[in-house]
C-alpha atoms as a PDB file:
ATOM      1  CA  MET A   1      -0.189   0.113  -0.288  1.00  0.00           C
ATOM      2  CA  SER A   2       3.179   2.493   0.470  1.00  0.00           C
ATOM      3  CA  GLY A   3       3.735   4.605  -2.614  1.00  0.00           C
ATOM      4  CA  THR A   4       0.309   5.087  -3.286  1.00  0.00           C
ATOM      5  CA  ARG A   5      -2.454   7.715  -2.764  1.00  0.00           C
ATOM      6  CA  THR A   6      -5.491   6.766  -0.796  1.00  0.00           C
ATOM      7  CA  THR A   7      -8.617   8.063  -0.341  1.00  0.00           C
ATOM      8  CA  ARG A   8     -10.254   8.592   3.241  1.00  0.00           C
ATOM      9  CA  GLN A   9     -12.981   6.346   1.869  1.00  0.00           C
ATOM     10  CA  SER A  10     -10.858   3.684   0.479  1.00  0.00           C
ATOM     11  CA  GLN A  11      -9.113   3.722   4.156  1.00  0.00           C
ATOM     12  CA  LEU A  12     -11.680   3.797   5.821  1.00  0.00           C
ATOM     13  CA  VAL A  13     -12.984   0.332   3.713  1.00  0.00           C
ATOM     14  CA  THR A  14      -9.520  -0.967   4.245  1.00  0.00           C
ATOM     15  CA  ASP A  15      -9.510  -0.239   8.077  1.00  0.00           C
ATOM     16  CA  GLN A  16     -12.852  -1.565   8.779  1.00  0.00           C
ATOM     17  CA  THR A  17     -12.291  -5.052   6.666  1.00  0.00           C
ATOM     18  CA  LEU A  18      -8.978  -5.196   8.213  1.00  0.00           C
ATOM     19  CA  ALA A  19     -10.548  -5.251  11.910  1.00  0.00           C
ATOM     20  CA  THR A  20     -13.231  -7.661  11.189  1.00  0.00           C
ATOM     21  CA  GLN A  21     -11.256  -9.941   9.227  1.00  0.00           C
ATOM     22  CA  LEU A  22      -8.043 -10.475  11.336  1.00  0.00           C
ATOM     23  CA  PRO A  23      -9.175 -11.737  14.319  1.00  0.00           C
ATOM     24  CA  ALA A  24     -11.113 -14.423  12.702  1.00  0.00           C
ATOM     25  CA  LEU A  25      -8.260 -15.229   9.779  1.00  0.00           C
ATOM     26  CA  MET A  26      -5.017 -14.742  11.997  1.00  0.00           C
ATOM     27  CA  GLY A  27      -6.211 -15.503  15.130  1.00  0.00           C
ATOM     28  CA  THR A  28      -3.424 -14.545  18.107  1.00  0.00           C
ATOM     29  CA  ALA A  29      -0.294 -14.235  15.877  1.00  0.00           C
ATOM     30  CA  THR A  30       1.673 -11.404  16.591  1.00  0.00           C
ATOM     31  CA  VAL A  31       2.875  -8.617  13.819  1.00  0.00           C
ATOM     32  CA  LEU A  32       6.859  -6.622  14.420  1.00  0.00           C
ATOM     33  CA  VAL A  33       4.795  -2.947  14.103  1.00  0.00           C
ATOM     34  CA  GLY A  34       8.125  -0.511  13.733  1.00  0.00           C
ATOM     35  CA  LYS A  35      10.232  -2.236  16.621  1.00  0.00           C
ATOM     36  CA  THR A  36       7.450  -3.385  18.819  1.00  0.00           C
ATOM     37  CA  ARG A  37       5.655  -6.761  18.176  1.00  0.00           C
ATOM     38  CA  MET A  38       1.994  -6.798  18.700  1.00  0.00           C
ATOM     39  CA  THR A  39      -0.673  -9.377  18.690  1.00  0.00           C
ATOM     40  CA  ILE A  40      -4.075  -9.490  16.551  1.00  0.00           C
ATOM     41  CA  GLY A  41      -6.265  -8.354  19.743  1.00  0.00           C
ATOM     42  CA  GLN A  42      -3.832  -5.158  19.942  1.00  0.00           C
ATOM     43  CA  ILE A  43      -4.204  -4.145  16.281  1.00  0.00           C
ATOM     44  CA  ALA A  44      -7.833  -4.525  15.985  1.00  0.00           C
ATOM     45  CA  PRO A  45      -8.969  -1.737  18.060  1.00  0.00           C
ATOM     46  CA  ILE A  46      -6.380   0.573  17.120  1.00  0.00           C
ATOM     47  CA  LEU A  47      -7.885  -0.054  13.274  1.00  0.00           C
ATOM     48  CA  LEU A  48     -11.478   0.623  14.704  1.00  0.00           C
ATOM     49  CA  ALA A  49     -10.756   3.516  16.410  1.00  0.00           C
ATOM     50  CA  HIS A  50      -9.706   4.922  13.143  1.00  0.00           C
ATOM     51  CA  ALA A  51     -12.404   4.177  11.118  1.00  0.00           C
ATOM     52  CA  THR A  52     -14.438   5.954  13.725  1.00  0.00           C
ATOM     53  CA  ALA A  53     -12.220   9.096  13.791  1.00  0.00           C
ATOM     54  CA  ILE A  54     -12.378   9.480   9.697  1.00  0.00           C
ATOM     55  CA  THR A  55     -16.275   8.920  10.002  1.00  0.00           C
ATOM     56  CA  ALA A  56     -16.086  11.573  12.684  1.00  0.00           C
ATOM     57  CA  THR A  57     -14.054  13.926  10.542  1.00  0.00           C
ATOM     58  CA  ASN A  58     -16.419  13.311   7.289  1.00  0.00           C
ATOM     59  CA  ASN A  59     -19.721  14.119   9.447  1.00  0.00           C
ATOM     60  CA  ALA A  60     -17.862  17.143  10.645  1.00  0.00           C
ATOM     61  CA  ARG A  61     -16.630  17.991   7.217  1.00  0.00           C
ATOM     62  CA  GLN A  62     -20.440  17.414   5.942  1.00  0.00           C
ATOM     63  CA  ALA A  63     -21.707  19.286   8.595  1.00  0.00           C
ATOM     64  CA  ALA A  64     -18.885  22.228   7.842  1.00  0.00           C
ATOM     65  CA  LYS A  65     -20.334  22.732   4.437  1.00  0.00           C
ATOM     66  CA  SER A  66     -23.654  22.617   5.333  1.00  0.00           C
ATOM     67  CA  ALA A  67     -23.358  25.307   7.897  1.00  0.00           C
ATOM     68  CA  ARG A  68     -20.618  27.376   5.510  1.00  0.00           C
ATOM     69  CA  ALA A  69     -23.859  27.155   2.942  1.00  0.00           C
ATOM     70  CA  ALA A  70     -26.542  28.031   5.135  1.00  0.00           C
ATOM     71  CA  GLU A  71     -24.300  31.170   6.209  1.00  0.00           C
ATOM     72  CA  ARG A  72     -23.895  32.181   2.689  1.00  0.00           C
ATOM     73  CA  GLU A  73     -27.735  32.281   1.818  1.00  0.00           C
ATOM     74  CA  LEU A  74     -28.085  34.130   4.851  1.00  0.00           C
ATOM     75  CA  TYR A  75     -25.187  36.638   3.694  1.00  0.00           C
ATOM     76  CA  VAL A  76     -27.082  37.683   1.172  1.00  0.00           C
ATOM     77  CA  GLN A  77     -30.098  38.915   2.733  1.00  0.00           C
ATOM     78  CA  VAL A  78     -27.977  39.950   5.783  1.00  0.00           C
ATOM     79  CA  LYS A  79     -26.205  42.492   2.994  1.00  0.00           C
ATOM     80  CA  ALA A  80     -29.197  43.781   1.492  1.00  0.00           C
ATOM     81  CA  ILE A  81     -30.755  44.248   5.210  1.00  0.00           C
ATOM     82  CA  ILE A  82     -27.473  46.207   6.576  1.00  0.00           C
ATOM     83  CA  ALA A  83     -27.974  48.591   3.422  1.00  0.00           C
ATOM     84  CA  ALA A  84     -31.418  49.623   3.544  1.00  0.00           C
ATOM     85  CA  VAL A  85     -31.284  50.113   7.117  1.00  0.00           C
ATOM     86  CA  GLN A  86     -27.885  52.320   6.684  1.00  0.00           C
ATOM     87  CA  ILE A  87     -30.179  54.345   3.788  1.00  0.00           C
ATOM     88  CA  ALA A  88     -33.283  54.817   6.493  1.00  0.00           C
ATOM     89  CA  ALA A  89     -30.426  55.953   8.968  1.00  0.00           C
ATOM     90  CA  ALA A  90     -29.080  58.688   7.116  1.00  0.00           C
ATOM     91  CA  ALA A  91     -32.142  59.551   5.933  1.00  0.00           C
ATOM     92  CA  LEU A  92     -33.520  59.603   9.796  1.00  0.00           C
ATOM     93  CA  PHE A  93     -30.672  60.730  11.590  1.00  0.00           C
ATOM     94  CA  GLY A  94     -28.200  62.309   8.964  1.00  0.00           C
ATOM     95  CA  GLU A  95     -24.552  61.071   8.247  1.00  0.00           C
ATOM     96  CA  THR A  96     -23.062  63.019  10.420  1.00  0.00           C
ATOM     97  CA  SER A  97     -25.306  62.414  13.780  1.00  0.00           C
ATOM     98  CA  ASN A  98     -24.277  60.152  16.907  1.00  0.00           C
ATOM     99  CA  GLU A  99     -27.302  57.993  16.187  1.00  0.00           C
ATOM    100  CA  TYR A 100     -25.976  56.947  12.384  1.00  0.00           C
ATOM    101  CA  ALA A 101     -22.713  56.767  14.420  1.00  0.00           C
ATOM    102  CA  ALA A 102     -24.186  54.423  17.461  1.00  0.00           C
ATOM    103  CA  LEU A 103     -25.344  52.084  14.803  1.00  0.00           C
ATOM    104  CA  GLY A 104     -21.692  51.795  13.149  1.00  0.00           C
ATOM    105  CA  PHE A 105     -21.860  53.353  10.080  1.00  0.00           C
ATOM    106  CA  ALA A 106     -18.914  55.966   9.251  1.00  0.00           C
ATOM    107  CA  PRO A 107     -19.726  59.019   7.436  1.00  0.00           C
ATOM    108  CA  ARG A 108     -19.285  59.100   3.783  1.00  0.00           C
ATOM    109  CA  LYS A 109     -15.765  60.346   2.529  1.00  0.00           C
ATOM    110  CA  THR A 110     -15.845  63.664   0.329  1.00  0.00           C
ATOM    111  CA  THR A 111     -12.941  63.737  -1.864  1.00  0.00           C
ATOM    112  CA  LYS A 112     -11.208  66.759  -2.346  1.00  0.00           C
ATOM    113  CA  THR A 113      -9.962  67.575  -5.556  1.00  0.00           C
ATOM    114  CA  THR A 114      -6.541  70.087  -5.599  1.00  0.00           C
ATOM    115  CA  ALA A 115      -6.441  73.009  -7.389  1.00  0.00           C
ATOM    116  CA  ALA A 116      -4.395  71.360  -9.794  1.00  0.00           C
ATOM    117  CA  THR A 117      -7.387  69.411 -10.603  1.00  0.00           C
ATOM    118  CA  ARG A 118      -9.643  71.701 -11.100  1.00  0.00           C
ATOM    119  CA  TYR A 119      -7.609  74.031 -12.935  1.00  0.00           C
ATOM    120  CA  VAL A 120      -7.054  71.492 -15.752  1.00  0.00           C
ATOM    121  CA  ALA A 121     -10.729  70.525 -15.655  1.00  0.00           C
ATOM    122  CA  THR A 122     -11.453  73.900 -16.100  1.00  0.00           C
ATOM    123  CA  GLU A 123      -8.905  74.263 -19.174  1.00  0.00           C
ATOM    124  CA  LYS A 124     -10.029  71.081 -20.850  1.00  0.00           C
ATOM    125  CA  SER A 125     -14.185  71.796 -20.516  1.00  0.00           C
ATOM    126  CA  LYS A 126     -12.749  75.637 -22.633  1.00  0.00           C
ATOM    127  CA  ALA A 127     -10.676  73.449 -24.925  1.00  0.00           C
ATOM    128  CA  THR A 128     -13.957  71.171 -25.698  1.00  0.00           C
ATOM    129  CA  ARG A 129     -16.301  74.087 -25.452  1.00  0.00           C
ATOM    130  CA  GLN A 130     -13.969  75.902 -28.346  1.00  0.00           C
ATOM    131  CA  ALA A 131     -13.393  72.458 -30.179  1.00  0.00           C
ATOM    132  CA  ARG A 132     -17.199  72.336 -30.798  1.00  0.00           C
ATOM    133  CA  GLY A 133     -18.352  75.677 -31.209  1.00  0.00           C
ATOM    134  CA  THR A 134     -20.558  76.004 -27.969  1.00  0.00           C
ATOM    135  CA  LYS A 135     -21.825  79.487 -26.977  1.00  0.00           C
ATOM    136  CA  GLY A 136     -22.756  80.715 -23.731  1.00  0.00           C
ATOM    137  CA  LYS A 137     -25.961  82.053 -22.576  1.00  0.00           C
ATOM    138  CA  ASN A 138     -25.116  85.342 -23.086  1.00  0.00           C
ATOM    139  CA  GLN A 139     -23.614  84.949 -26.318  1.00  0.00           C
ATOM    140  CA  LYS A 140     -26.270  83.083 -27.863  1.00  0.00           C
ATOM    141  CA  LYS A 141     -28.822  86.139 -26.760  1.00  0.00           C
ATOM    142  CA  THR A 142     -26.402  88.216 -29.191  1.00  0.00           C
ATOM    143  CA  ILE A 143     -27.176  86.135 -32.233  1.00  0.00           C
ATOM    144  CA  HIS A 144     -30.104  86.625 -34.451  1.00  0.00           C
ATOM    145  CA  GLY A 145     -30.985  85.072 -37.765  1.00  0.00           C
ATOM    146  CA  THR A 146     -31.911  86.880 -40.474  1.00  0.00           C
ATOM    147  CA  VAL A 147     -34.757  85.496 -43.248  1.00  0.00           C
ATOM    148  CA  PRO A 148     -33.605  85.136 -46.700  1.00  0.00           C
ATOM    149  CA  ALA A 149     -36.212  87.445 -48.772  1.00  0.00           C
ATOM    150  CA  ALA A 150     -38.776  85.481 -50.695  1.00  0.00           C
ATOM    151  CA  ASP A 151     -39.512  85.997 -54.071  1.00  0.00           C
ATOM    152  CA  ALA A 152     -43.668  86.473 -53.799  1.00  0.00           C
ATOM    153  CA  PRO A 153     -45.782  84.519 -55.619  1.00  0.00           C
ATOM    154  CA  ALA A 154     -46.749  86.377 -59.140  1.00  0.00           C
ATOM    155  CA  ARG A 155     -50.329  86.821 -59.002  1.00  0.00           C
ATOM    156  CA  LYS A 156     -52.180  86.668 -62.651  1.00  0.00           C
END
């Protein structure tokens, strides 16, 4: 069995088979395990204990997997509830109030633009208006269209 990888299930089957079959087939024989001589009567309970431990581990893993799935399902609901409560608390108390902070919510962080960023934005805006040929409100007031003179229809 050395050199091959065994699964937990195959190890469980092997342990159970050996624990039940060894006493019937080998009786009172002794086996050298490492540097210790052990009788079949000593070996069988150890194999059964290992099989029991594997079963307990498998059950615990399955229970943990089920608990994680239940937690994930609840988290989706809780996340939506927290978001709704945060919005309601902000509307009711305000984001800078002590009550809002007491619920564990932090106020939104305001972004601060630097003078350089504002300058660049203004320059880009001016360049865009110039490229598009857009005009401001007062400039539009000075523009008046002229109607081309239409030839009057001739009367007969």
